[in-house]
Structures are given as structure tokens and as C-alpha cells.
C-alpha atoms as a PDB file:
ATOM      1  CA  MET A   1     -12.847 -68.511 -38.947  1.00  0.00           C
ATOM      2  CA  THR A   2     -10.222 -69.808 -37.148  1.00  0.00           C
ATOM      3  CA  THR A   3      -6.315 -68.403 -37.272  1.00  0.00           C
ATOM      4  CA  ALA A   4      -3.206 -70.692 -35.063  1.00  0.00           C
ATOM      5  CA  THR A   5      -0.213 -69.769 -34.795  1.00  0.00           C
ATOM      6  CA  LEU A   6       2.124 -72.212 -34.668  1.00  0.00           C
ATOM      7  CA  GLU A   7       5.263 -72.347 -32.770  1.00  0.00           C
ATOM      8  CA  ARG A   8       7.211 -75.486 -35.434  1.00  0.00           C
ATOM      9  CA  ILE A   9       8.891 -75.076 -38.260  1.00  0.00           C
ATOM     10  CA  PRO A  10       6.144 -77.003 -40.961  1.00  0.00           C
ATOM     11  CA  ALA A  11       6.151 -80.941 -41.774  1.00  0.00           C
ATOM     12  CA  ALA A  12       7.713 -80.286 -45.111  1.00  0.00           C
ATOM     13  CA  ALA A  13      10.576 -78.709 -43.908  1.00  0.00           C
ATOM     14  CA  GLU A  14      11.409 -79.977 -41.056  1.00  0.00           C
ATOM     15  CA  PRO A  15      14.309 -82.376 -40.821  1.00  0.00           C
ATOM     16  CA  THR A  16      14.856 -85.769 -39.276  1.00  0.00           C
ATOM     17  CA  GLY A  17      14.789 -86.715 -35.974  1.00  0.00           C
ATOM     18  CA  GLY A  18      14.701 -82.768 -34.626  1.00  0.00           C
ATOM     19  CA  PRO A  19      13.205 -80.869 -31.780  1.00  0.00           C
ATOM     20  CA  ALA A  20       9.378 -81.610 -30.796  1.00  0.00           C
ATOM     21  CA  VAL A  21       6.782 -78.748 -30.650  1.00  0.00           C
ATOM     22  CA  ARG A  22       6.810 -77.242 -27.104  1.00  0.00           C
ATOM     23  CA  SER A  23       4.318 -75.183 -27.552  1.00  0.00           C
ATOM     24  CA  LEU A  24       1.254 -73.646 -29.419  1.00  0.00           C
ATOM     25  CA  SER A  25       0.020 -70.002 -30.566  1.00  0.00           C
ATOM     26  CA  LEU A  26      -3.296 -70.068 -30.450  1.00  0.00           C
ATOM     27  CA  GLU A  27      -5.929 -67.224 -31.778  1.00  0.00           C
ATOM     28  CA  PHE A  28     -10.092 -67.334 -32.203  1.00  0.00           C
ATOM     29  CA  SER A  29     -12.166 -64.965 -33.755  1.00  0.00           C
ATOM     30  CA  SER A  30     -15.241 -65.973 -31.548  1.00  0.00           C
ATOM     31  CA  ALA A  31     -16.167 -68.195 -29.104  1.00  0.00           C
ATOM     32  CA  SER A  32     -17.741 -70.623 -30.240  1.00  0.00           C
ATOM     33  CA  GLU A  33     -13.795 -71.235 -31.995  1.00  0.00           C
ATOM     34  CA  VAL A  34     -11.914 -72.063 -28.858  1.00  0.00           C
ATOM     35  CA  HIS A  35     -13.007 -75.141 -27.337  1.00  0.00           C
ATOM     36  CA  ALA A  36     -12.216 -77.363 -30.005  1.00  0.00           C
ATOM     37  CA  GLY A  37      -9.120 -75.423 -31.292  1.00  0.00           C
ATOM     38  CA  LEU A  38      -8.150 -75.644 -27.650  1.00  0.00           C
ATOM     39  CA  GLU A  39      -8.525 -79.941 -27.541  1.00  0.00           C
ATOM     40  CA  LYS A  40      -6.857 -80.365 -30.396  1.00  0.00           C
ATOM     41  CA  ALA A  41      -3.745 -78.003 -30.432  1.00  0.00           C
ATOM     42  CA  VAL A  42      -4.339 -79.948 -26.083  1.00  0.00           C
ATOM     43  CA  ALA A  43      -4.147 -83.588 -28.181  1.00  0.00           C
ATOM     44  CA  GLU A  44      -0.902 -82.373 -30.351  1.00  0.00           C
ATOM     45  CA  MET A  45       0.703 -81.742 -27.098  1.00  0.00           C
ATOM     46  CA  ILE A  46       0.197 -85.316 -25.341  1.00  0.00           C
ATOM     47  CA  GLU A  47       1.540 -86.730 -28.114  1.00  0.00           C
ATOM     48  CA  VAL A  48       4.544 -85.189 -27.551  1.00  0.00           C
ATOM     49  CA  ALA A  49       4.709 -84.832 -23.989  1.00  0.00           C
ATOM     50  CA  ALA A  50       3.993 -89.080 -24.383  1.00  0.00           C
ATOM     51  CA  LYS A  51       8.004 -89.286 -25.839  1.00  0.00           C
ATOM     52  CA  ASP A  52       9.801 -88.134 -23.041  1.00  0.00           C
ATOM     53  CA  ALA A  53       6.947 -88.410 -20.323  1.00  0.00           C
ATOM     54  CA  GLU A  54       8.731 -85.892 -18.226  1.00  0.00           C
ATOM     55  CA  CYS A  55       6.346 -82.846 -18.235  1.00  0.00           C
ATOM     56  CA  GLY A  56       2.438 -81.692 -18.480  1.00  0.00           C
ATOM     57  CA  ILE A  57       1.151 -79.167 -20.625  1.00  0.00           C
ATOM     58  CA  ARG A  58      -0.043 -75.725 -19.624  1.00  0.00           C
ATOM     59  CA  VAL A  59      -2.937 -74.436 -21.648  1.00  0.00           C
ATOM     60  CA  THR A  60      -2.609 -70.578 -20.935  1.00  0.00           C
ATOM     61  CA  ARG A  61      -4.901 -67.336 -21.579  1.00  0.00           C
ATOM     62  CA  LEU A  62      -3.176 -64.596 -23.065  1.00  0.00           C
ATOM     63  CA  HIS A  63      -6.385 -62.836 -23.418  1.00  0.00           C
ATOM     64  CA  PRO A  64      -9.468 -63.437 -24.697  1.00  0.00           C
ATOM     65  CA  GLY A  65      -9.068 -65.144 -27.561  1.00  0.00           C
ATOM     66  CA  SER A  66      -5.057 -66.222 -27.532  1.00  0.00           C
ATOM     67  CA  TYR A  67      -3.810 -68.875 -25.536  1.00  0.00           C
ATOM     68  CA  THR A  68      -0.938 -70.697 -25.428  1.00  0.00           C
ATOM     69  CA  VAL A  69      -0.505 -75.347 -24.906  1.00  0.00           C
ATOM     70  CA  ALA A  70       2.845 -75.727 -24.153  1.00  0.00           C
ATOM     71  CA  LEU A  71       4.571 -77.971 -22.432  1.00  0.00           C
ATOM     72  CA  ASP A  72       5.307 -77.074 -18.530  1.00  0.00           C
ATOM     73  CA  ALA A  73       8.152 -79.490 -16.544  1.00  0.00           C
ATOM     74  CA  SER A  74       5.811 -77.697 -13.472  1.00  0.00           C
ATOM     75  CA  VAL A  75       3.069 -79.673 -14.651  1.00  0.00           C
ATOM     76  CA  PRO A  76       3.172 -83.344 -13.477  1.00  0.00           C
ATOM     77  CA  PHE A  77       3.256 -85.502 -17.022  1.00  0.00           C
ATOM     78  CA  GLY A  78      -0.530 -86.732 -17.820  1.00  0.00           C
ATOM     79  CA  GLU A  79      -1.537 -83.555 -16.001  1.00  0.00           C
ATOM     80  CA  THR A  80      -3.124 -80.262 -17.801  1.00  0.00           C
ATOM     81  CA  TYR A  81      -3.148 -76.984 -16.413  1.00  0.00           C
ATOM     82  CA  GLU A  82      -4.862 -73.697 -17.234  1.00  0.00           C
ATOM     83  CA  SER A  83      -3.645 -70.663 -15.871  1.00  0.00           C
ATOM     84  CA  PHE A  84      -4.817 -67.366 -16.900  1.00  0.00           C
ATOM     85  CA  ALA A  85      -1.713 -64.545 -17.373  1.00  0.00           C
ATOM     86  CA  ALA A  86      -1.666 -62.153 -15.272  1.00  0.00           C
END
């Protein structure tokens, strides 16, 4: 079972022309779900990043099963970096 917490307004309540999603917080209950879940989140961030072409994407592992996928100005556009929280 995957539990994903998105830091955004649900689509039905999202105002037209409102701010795009800049980060996603993800929680996975099994290792087998991590790869597919992160791929989906990165694909969503690619769509957002392509609109501005100003930054890349950083995937951060916070602890086992917990990740953030976010637009990051320190990552060059068109690239995705991985990191571990300290």
C-alpha cells in the first residue's frame, strides 16, 4: 500500500492559473512500491519544470520509505539529482 501526501490544492478546488505544485511528499510502506511511486512523482515534476525551464528536480530520501520530489533552483534544468537528508 502506498500513501502519498501531496503538497497542493486538489484539482477540483485549484484556482485557474494558480501556483503549480513545487514539491511532493511521498511515503511508501514497502520497498517494492518506491520505484514506481518515485517515477510517477518525477514525471509530474517534469511537466511543471518544463513550463518555466528554470530549474531541475531533486529527489530526497528523508528516511526509509519517505521521500520528497521537488523543483530545485540549484539543479540545472533538464536534470534530476538524488540526495539523502542528513
